[in-house]
C-alpha atoms as a PDB file:
ATOM      1  CA  PRO A   1      35.272  -2.134   2.551  1.00  0.00           C
ATOM      2  CA  ARG A   2      32.669  -1.949   0.201  1.00  0.00           C
ATOM      3  CA  SER A   3      29.824   0.661   0.828  1.00  0.00           C
ATOM      4  CA  ALA A   4      26.509  -0.712   1.385  1.00  0.00           C
ATOM      5  CA  ARG A   5      24.334  -0.648  -1.654  1.00  0.00           C
ATOM      6  CA  LYS A   6      21.860   1.915  -2.017  1.00  0.00           C
ATOM      7  CA  GLU A   7      18.318   1.185  -3.777  1.00  0.00           C
ATOM      8  CA  SER A   8      15.467   3.471  -3.496  1.00  0.00           C
ATOM      9  CA  SER A   9      11.253   2.376  -3.378  1.00  0.00           C
ATOM     10  CA  ALA A  10       9.203   2.894  -6.307  1.00  0.00           C
ATOM     11  CA  ALA A  11       6.853   3.828  -3.633  1.00  0.00           C
ATOM     12  CA  SER A  12       6.048   7.624  -2.375  1.00  0.00           C
ATOM     13  CA  ASP A  13       3.316   9.570  -0.768  1.00  0.00           C
ATOM     14  CA  VAL A  14       2.873  12.742   0.324  1.00  0.00           C
ATOM     15  CA  TYR A  15       2.756  14.341   3.857  1.00  0.00           C
ATOM     16  CA  LYS A  16       2.939  17.891   4.719  1.00  0.00           C
ATOM     17  CA  ARG A  17       3.697  19.730   1.529  1.00  0.00           C
ATOM     18  CA  GLN A  18       6.461  16.730   1.961  1.00  0.00           C
ATOM     19  CA  THR A  19       7.473  13.983  -0.083  1.00  0.00           C
ATOM     20  CA  TRP A  20       7.746  10.419   1.713  1.00  0.00           C
ATOM     21  CA  THR A  21       9.851   7.668  -0.570  1.00  0.00           C
ATOM     22  CA  ILE A  22      11.848   4.589   0.998  1.00  0.00           C
ATOM     23  CA  GLU A  23      15.662   3.358   0.797  1.00  0.00           C
ATOM     24  CA  HIS A  24      16.858   0.438   1.287  1.00  0.00           C
ATOM     25  CA  VAL A  25      20.544   0.668   2.170  1.00  0.00           C
ATOM     26  CA  GLY A  26      21.869  -3.571   2.795  1.00  0.00           C
ATOM     27  CA  ASP A  27      19.035  -5.143   4.435  1.00  0.00           C
ATOM     28  CA  LYS A  28      17.835  -2.244   6.039  1.00  0.00           C
ATOM     29  CA  PRO A  29      14.521  -0.021   5.103  1.00  0.00           C
ATOM     30  CA  ARG A  30      15.079   3.395   5.589  1.00  0.00           C
ATOM     31  CA  LEU A  31      12.892   6.557   5.301  1.00  0.00           C
ATOM     32  CA  VAL A  32      13.710   9.580   2.934  1.00  0.00           C
ATOM     33  CA  VAL A  33      11.860  13.263   3.677  1.00  0.00           C
ATOM     34  CA  ILE A  34      12.395  15.756   1.512  1.00  0.00           C
ATOM     35  CA  SER A  35      10.904  19.233   2.259  1.00  0.00           C
ATOM     36  CA  ASP A  36       9.333  21.059   0.046  1.00  0.00           C
ATOM     37  CA  THR A  37      12.453  23.401   0.545  1.00  0.00           C
ATOM     38  CA  GLY A  38      14.562  21.127  -0.658  1.00  0.00           C
ATOM     39  CA  SER A  39      16.250  19.584   2.622  1.00  0.00           C
ATOM     40  CA  ILE A  40      16.228  15.433   3.120  1.00  0.00           C
ATOM     41  CA  THR A  41      16.641  13.698   6.219  1.00  0.00           C
ATOM     42  CA  ARG A  42      16.484   9.607   6.552  1.00  0.00           C
ATOM     43  CA  GLN A  43      15.099   7.694   9.201  1.00  0.00           C
ATOM     44  CA  GLU A  44      15.973   3.429   9.712  1.00  0.00           C
ATOM     45  CA  LEU A  45      12.560   1.665   9.825  1.00  0.00           C
ATOM     46  CA  SER A  46      13.338   0.018  13.100  1.00  0.00           C
ATOM     47  CA  GLY A  47      11.440  -4.059  12.744  1.00  0.00           C
ATOM     48  CA  LEU A  48      11.999  -4.144   8.958  1.00  0.00           C
ATOM     49  CA  GLU A  49      15.253  -5.350   9.018  1.00  0.00           C
ATOM     50  CA  GLY A  50      16.290  -8.048   6.627  1.00  0.00           C
ATOM     51  CA  GLN A  51      13.353  -6.753   4.687  1.00  0.00           C
ATOM     52  CA  ARG A  52      11.556  -4.946   1.683  1.00  0.00           C
ATOM     53  CA  VAL A  53       9.069  -2.254   1.252  1.00  0.00           C
ATOM     54  CA  LYS A  54       7.402  -3.042  -1.246  1.00  0.00           C
ATOM     55  CA  ALA A  55       4.243  -0.092  -1.366  1.00  0.00           C
ATOM     56  CA  PHE A  56       3.413   2.318   1.578  1.00  0.00           C
ATOM     57  CA  ARG A  57       0.815   4.800   2.225  1.00  0.00           C
ATOM     58  CA  ILE A  58       0.314   7.376   5.068  1.00  0.00           C
ATOM     59  CA  SER A  59      -3.024   7.483   6.800  1.00  0.00           C
ATOM     60  CA  PRO A  60      -5.679  10.156   6.328  1.00  0.00           C
ATOM     61  CA  ASP A  61      -4.886  11.562   9.857  1.00  0.00           C
ATOM     62  CA  ARG A  62      -1.312  11.338   9.338  1.00  0.00           C
ATOM     63  CA  THR A  63      -1.047   9.334  12.372  1.00  0.00           C
ATOM     64  CA  ARG A  64      -0.043   5.938  10.708  1.00  0.00           C
ATOM     65  CA  LEU A  65       2.101   4.410   8.027  1.00  0.00           C
ATOM     66  CA  ALA A  66       0.654   1.312   6.256  1.00  0.00           C
ATOM     67  CA  LEU A  67       3.035  -0.729   4.286  1.00  0.00           C
ATOM     68  CA  ILE A  68       3.757  -4.087   2.463  1.00  0.00           C
ATOM     69  CA  VAL A  69       6.957  -5.933   3.138  1.00  0.00           C
ATOM     70  CA  SER A  70       8.726  -8.403   1.614  1.00  0.00           C
ATOM     71  CA  ARG A  71      11.256 -11.359   2.501  1.00  0.00           C
ATOM     72  CA  GLY A  72      11.960 -13.547   0.022  1.00  0.00           C
ATOM     73  CA  LYS A  73       8.498 -14.917  -1.661  1.00  0.00           C
ATOM     74  CA  GLN A  74       6.498 -13.937   1.681  1.00  0.00           C
ATOM     75  CA  GLN A  75       4.876 -10.486   2.187  1.00  0.00           C
ATOM     76  CA  ARG A  76       3.052  -8.789   4.549  1.00  0.00           C
ATOM     77  CA  LEU A  77       0.916  -5.718   5.402  1.00  0.00           C
ATOM     78  CA  GLY A  78       1.322  -3.604   8.562  1.00  0.00           C
ATOM     79  CA  MET A  79       1.205  -0.339  10.718  1.00  0.00           C
ATOM     80  CA  MET A  80       3.822   1.945  12.113  1.00  0.00           C
ATOM     81  CA  ARG A  81       3.075   5.068  14.357  1.00  0.00           C
ATOM     82  CA  ILE A  82       3.852   8.645  12.851  1.00  0.00           C
ATOM     83  CA  ARG A  83       5.227  10.609  15.306  1.00  0.00           C
ATOM     84  CA  GLY A  84       5.931  14.053  15.485  1.00  0.00           C
ATOM     85  CA  PRO A  85       6.971  17.376  15.407  1.00  0.00           C
ATOM     86  CA  ARG A  86      10.346  16.495  14.578  1.00  0.00           C
ATOM     87  CA  ILE A  87       8.856  12.930  12.794  1.00  0.00           C
ATOM     88  CA  THR A  88       9.459   9.555  14.222  1.00  0.00           C
ATOM     89  CA  VAL A  89       7.961   6.464  12.848  1.00  0.00           C
ATOM     90  CA  ASP A  90       8.090   3.533  14.474  1.00  0.00           C
ATOM     91  CA  GLY A  91       6.008   0.436  16.137  1.00  0.00           C
ATOM     92  CA  TRP A  92       6.048  -2.082  13.452  1.00  0.00           C
ATOM     93  CA  ARG A  93       2.674  -4.167  14.014  1.00  0.00           C
ATOM     94  CA  GLU A  94       1.720  -6.747  11.519  1.00  0.00           C
ATOM     95  CA  ILE A  95      -1.752  -7.142  10.475  1.00  0.00           C
ATOM     96  CA  PRO A  96      -3.551 -10.454  10.035  1.00  0.00           C
ATOM     97  CA  LEU A  97      -5.016 -11.130   6.385  1.00  0.00           C
ATOM     98  CA  THR A  98      -7.378 -13.820   6.632  1.00  0.00           C
ATOM     99  CA  SER A  99     -10.670 -13.574   4.615  1.00  0.00           C
ATOM    100  CA  SER A 100     -13.193 -16.261   3.505  1.00  0.00           C
ATOM    101  CA  SER A 101     -10.929 -17.612   0.639  1.00  0.00           C
ATOM    102  CA  GLY A 102      -8.117 -18.481   3.086  1.00  0.00           C
ATOM    103  CA  SER A 103      -5.359 -16.119   3.908  1.00  0.00           C
ATOM    104  CA  LEU A 104      -3.846 -13.622   1.627  1.00  0.00           C
ATOM    105  CA  GLU A 105      -0.605 -14.246   0.620  1.00  0.00           C
ATOM    106  CA  ALA A 106       0.933 -12.464  -2.436  1.00  0.00           C
ATOM    107  CA  LEU A 107       0.302  -8.829  -1.834  1.00  0.00           C
ATOM    108  CA  ARG A 108       0.785  -6.041  -4.847  1.00  0.00           C
ATOM    109  CA  ASP A 109      -0.651  -2.921  -3.687  1.00  0.00           C
ATOM    110  CA  LEU A 110      -2.617  -0.667  -1.224  1.00  0.00           C
ATOM    111  CA  THR A 111      -3.935   2.690  -0.410  1.00  0.00           C
ATOM    112  CA  TRP A 112      -6.490   4.005   2.144  1.00  0.00           C
ATOM    113  CA  SER A 113     -10.412   4.069   1.764  1.00  0.00           C
ATOM    114  CA  ASP A 114     -11.577   5.905   5.039  1.00  0.00           C
ATOM    115  CA  PRO A 115      -9.693   7.023   8.291  1.00  0.00           C
ATOM    116  CA  ASP A 116      -9.768   3.145   9.395  1.00  0.00           C
ATOM    117  CA  SER A 117      -9.826   1.140   6.483  1.00  0.00           C
ATOM    118  CA  LEU A 118      -7.077  -0.282   3.607  1.00  0.00           C
ATOM    119  CA  LEU A 119      -7.743  -1.542  -0.153  1.00  0.00           C
ATOM    120  CA  ILE A 120      -5.221  -3.872  -1.045  1.00  0.00           C
ATOM    121  CA  ILE A 121      -4.542  -5.655  -4.103  1.00  0.00           C
ATOM    122  CA  GLY A 122      -4.010  -9.692  -2.605  1.00  0.00           C
ATOM    123  CA  ALA A 123      -4.154 -13.437  -4.051  1.00  0.00           C
ATOM    124  CA  SER A 124      -5.580 -15.805  -1.282  1.00  0.00           C
ATOM    125  CA  SER A 125      -3.446 -19.327  -0.586  1.00  0.00           C
ATOM    126  CA  ALA A 126      -6.351 -21.095  -1.762  1.00  0.00           C
ATOM    127  CA  THR A 127      -7.162 -19.744  -5.376  1.00  0.00           C
ATOM    128  CA  GLY A 128      -3.722 -17.711  -5.965  1.00  0.00           C
ATOM    129  CA  LEU A 129      -6.511 -15.302  -7.961  1.00  0.00           C
ATOM    130  CA  PHE A 130      -5.153 -11.052  -6.933  1.00  0.00           C
ATOM    131  CA  SER A 131      -8.715  -9.475  -6.122  1.00  0.00           C
ATOM    132  CA  ILE A 132      -8.876  -6.165  -4.315  1.00  0.00           C
ATOM    133  CA  TYR A 133      -9.620  -6.472  -0.361  1.00  0.00           C
ATOM    134  CA  ARG A 134     -10.838  -4.207   2.104  1.00  0.00           C
ATOM    135  CA  VAL A 135      -9.220  -4.237   5.563  1.00  0.00           C
ATOM    136  CA  ARG A 136      -9.773  -2.849   8.876  1.00  0.00           C
ATOM    137  CA  SER A 137      -6.594  -1.373  10.093  1.00  0.00           C
ATOM    138  CA  ASP A 138      -6.301  -3.610  13.136  1.00  0.00           C
ATOM    139  CA  GLY A 139      -7.107  -6.496  10.968  1.00  0.00           C
ATOM    140  CA  SER A 140     -10.144  -7.320  12.210  1.00  0.00           C
ATOM    141  CA  SER A 141     -12.020  -7.452   8.855  1.00  0.00           C
ATOM    142  CA  VAL A 142     -11.049  -9.082   4.966  1.00  0.00           C
ATOM    143  CA  ASP A 143     -13.431  -8.614   2.305  1.00  0.00           C
ATOM    144  CA  ASN A 144     -13.168  -9.214  -0.739  1.00  0.00           C
ATOM    145  CA  LEU A 145     -14.580  -6.583  -3.637  1.00  0.00           C
ATOM    146  CA  GLY A 146     -13.381  -8.335  -6.481  1.00  0.00           C
ATOM    147  CA  PRO A 147     -13.561  -7.529  -9.369  1.00  0.00           C
ATOM    148  CA  SER A 148     -14.578 -10.415 -11.284  1.00  0.00           C
ATOM    149  CA  GLY A 149     -12.413 -12.633 -13.523  1.00  0.00           C
ATOM    150  CA  GLU A 150     -13.928 -10.724 -16.849  1.00  0.00           C
ATOM    151  CA  SER A 151     -10.999  -7.960 -16.165  1.00  0.00           C
ATOM    152  CA  GLY A 152      -7.543  -8.945 -15.874  1.00  0.00           C
ATOM    153  CA  PRO A 153      -6.236  -8.773 -12.575  1.00  0.00           C
ATOM    154  CA  PRO A 154      -5.646  -5.538 -10.993  1.00  0.00           C
ATOM    155  CA  MET A 155      -2.103  -4.311 -10.387  1.00  0.00           C
ATOM    156  CA  ARG A 156      -1.965  -0.819  -9.517  1.00  0.00           C
ATOM    157  CA  LEU A 157      -4.926   0.887  -6.715  1.00  0.00           C
ATOM    158  CA  THR A 158      -5.760   4.221  -5.443  1.00  0.00           C
ATOM    159  CA  ALA A 159      -8.751   5.887  -3.535  1.00  0.00           C
ATOM    160  CA  PHE A 160      -9.879   8.743  -2.538  1.00  0.00           C
ATOM    161  CA  ALA A 161     -10.575   8.410   1.136  1.00  0.00           C
ATOM    162  CA  ARG A 162     -13.556   9.474   2.835  1.00  0.00           C
ATOM    163  CA  ARG A 163     -15.837   8.546   6.046  1.00  0.00           C
ATOM    164  CA  ASP A 164     -18.815   7.586   3.651  1.00  0.00           C
ATOM    165  CA  GLY A 165     -18.647   5.286   0.737  1.00  0.00           C
ATOM    166  CA  THR A 166     -15.784   4.884  -1.422  1.00  0.00           C
ATOM    167  CA  THR A 167     -14.361   6.268  -4.458  1.00  0.00           C
ATOM    168  CA  ALA A 168     -11.803   3.914  -6.015  1.00  0.00           C
ATOM    169  CA  ALA A 169      -9.836   2.559  -9.020  1.00  0.00           C
ATOM    170  CA  PHE A 170      -7.548   0.101 -10.012  1.00  0.00           C
ATOM    171  CA  VAL A 171      -5.238  -0.611 -13.500  1.00  0.00           C
ATOM    172  CA  SER A 172      -5.027  -4.365 -14.615  1.00  0.00           C
ATOM    173  CA  GLU A 173      -2.645  -6.324 -15.888  1.00  0.00           C
ATOM    174  CA  ALA A 174      -4.092  -5.468 -19.370  1.00  0.00           C
ATOM    175  CA  HIS A 175      -3.770  -1.476 -18.825  1.00  0.00           C
ATOM    176  CA  GLU A 176      -7.135  -0.831 -18.016  1.00  0.00           C
ATOM    177  CA  MET A 177      -8.809   1.640 -15.759  1.00  0.00           C
ATOM    178  CA  HIS A 178     -11.702   0.122 -13.798  1.00  0.00           C
ATOM    179  CA  LEU A 179     -13.606   2.582 -11.438  1.00  0.00           C
ATOM    180  CA  PHE A 180     -15.414   0.599  -8.308  1.00  0.00           C
ATOM    181  CA  GLN A 181     -19.171   0.624  -8.309  1.00  0.00           C
ATOM    182  CA  GLY A 182     -19.971  -2.234  -5.625  1.00  0.00           C
ATOM    183  CA  ALA A 183     -18.577  -5.652  -4.634  1.00  0.00           C
ATOM    184  CA  TYR A 184     -17.365  -7.682  -7.794  1.00  0.00           C
ATOM    185  CA  ARG A 185     -18.831  -4.724  -9.823  1.00  0.00           C
ATOM    186  CA  TRP A 186     -15.823  -2.663 -11.662  1.00  0.00           C
ATOM    187  CA  PRO A 187     -16.520  -1.409 -14.913  1.00  0.00           C
ATOM    188  CA  ALA A 188     -13.995  -0.410 -17.200  1.00  0.00           C
ATOM    189  CA  LEU A 189     -13.314   2.975 -18.754  1.00  0.00           C
ATOM    190  CA  GLU A 190     -12.100   2.986 -22.425  1.00  0.00           C
ATOM    191  CA  GLY A 191      -8.863   3.160 -23.473  1.00  0.00           C
ATOM    192  CA  GLU A 192      -5.194   2.570 -21.802  1.00  0.00           C
ATOM    193  CA  SER A 193      -3.429   3.245 -18.680  1.00  0.00           C
ATOM    194  CA  GLU A 194      -0.511   2.711 -16.893  1.00  0.00           C
ATOM    195  CA  HIS A 195      -1.160   5.048 -13.439  1.00  0.00           C
ATOM    196  CA  VAL A 196      -3.913   5.748 -11.421  1.00  0.00           C
ATOM    197  CA  ALA A 197      -4.283   8.252  -8.992  1.00  0.00           C
ATOM    198  CA  TYR A 198      -6.972  10.890  -6.983  1.00  0.00           C
ATOM    199  CA  PRO A 199      -5.888  14.200  -6.038  1.00  0.00           C
ATOM    200  CA  GLY A 200      -5.437  15.021  -1.865  1.00  0.00           C
END
């Protein structure tokens, strides 16, 4: 029989000096953990069979994994638990994404802005325009932070997670970097950028 095709996700994150990434074997996404000594362990992500992981981020307290998954044209945001000391990731739970402009159906990227909130790039069913939304980890609130239509749609997103205030930036489709200064205020920096990240 033919072996299942293995594909790696473009997403990755760091957990206690370990690098985490996702590979897809057949219709099953699998977490790949690479230690600082180079050893590799793999774990199937139960509950995500038949779906592809587009992006994921580990929470600041290292107890949760936030993921954007897709099946066909449908994309969803969800959460899984991280348990140790031998790492186990389980308990998939979808987070509802209903904003004042409608439900968010197209998702591009995500990051943690504080221990209990995410920033995501999403487009509402009503407008189809991509914006950045602040989402409570339980889905209790979904707030549009812009940007306005002056900049190109956001493609990649990063934040420095902290309890007070928001430190965030995104790169647009036009390869411009924008820094968060408040809702709908994302001034652009000079020059072109492909990627954006904060340390930590």
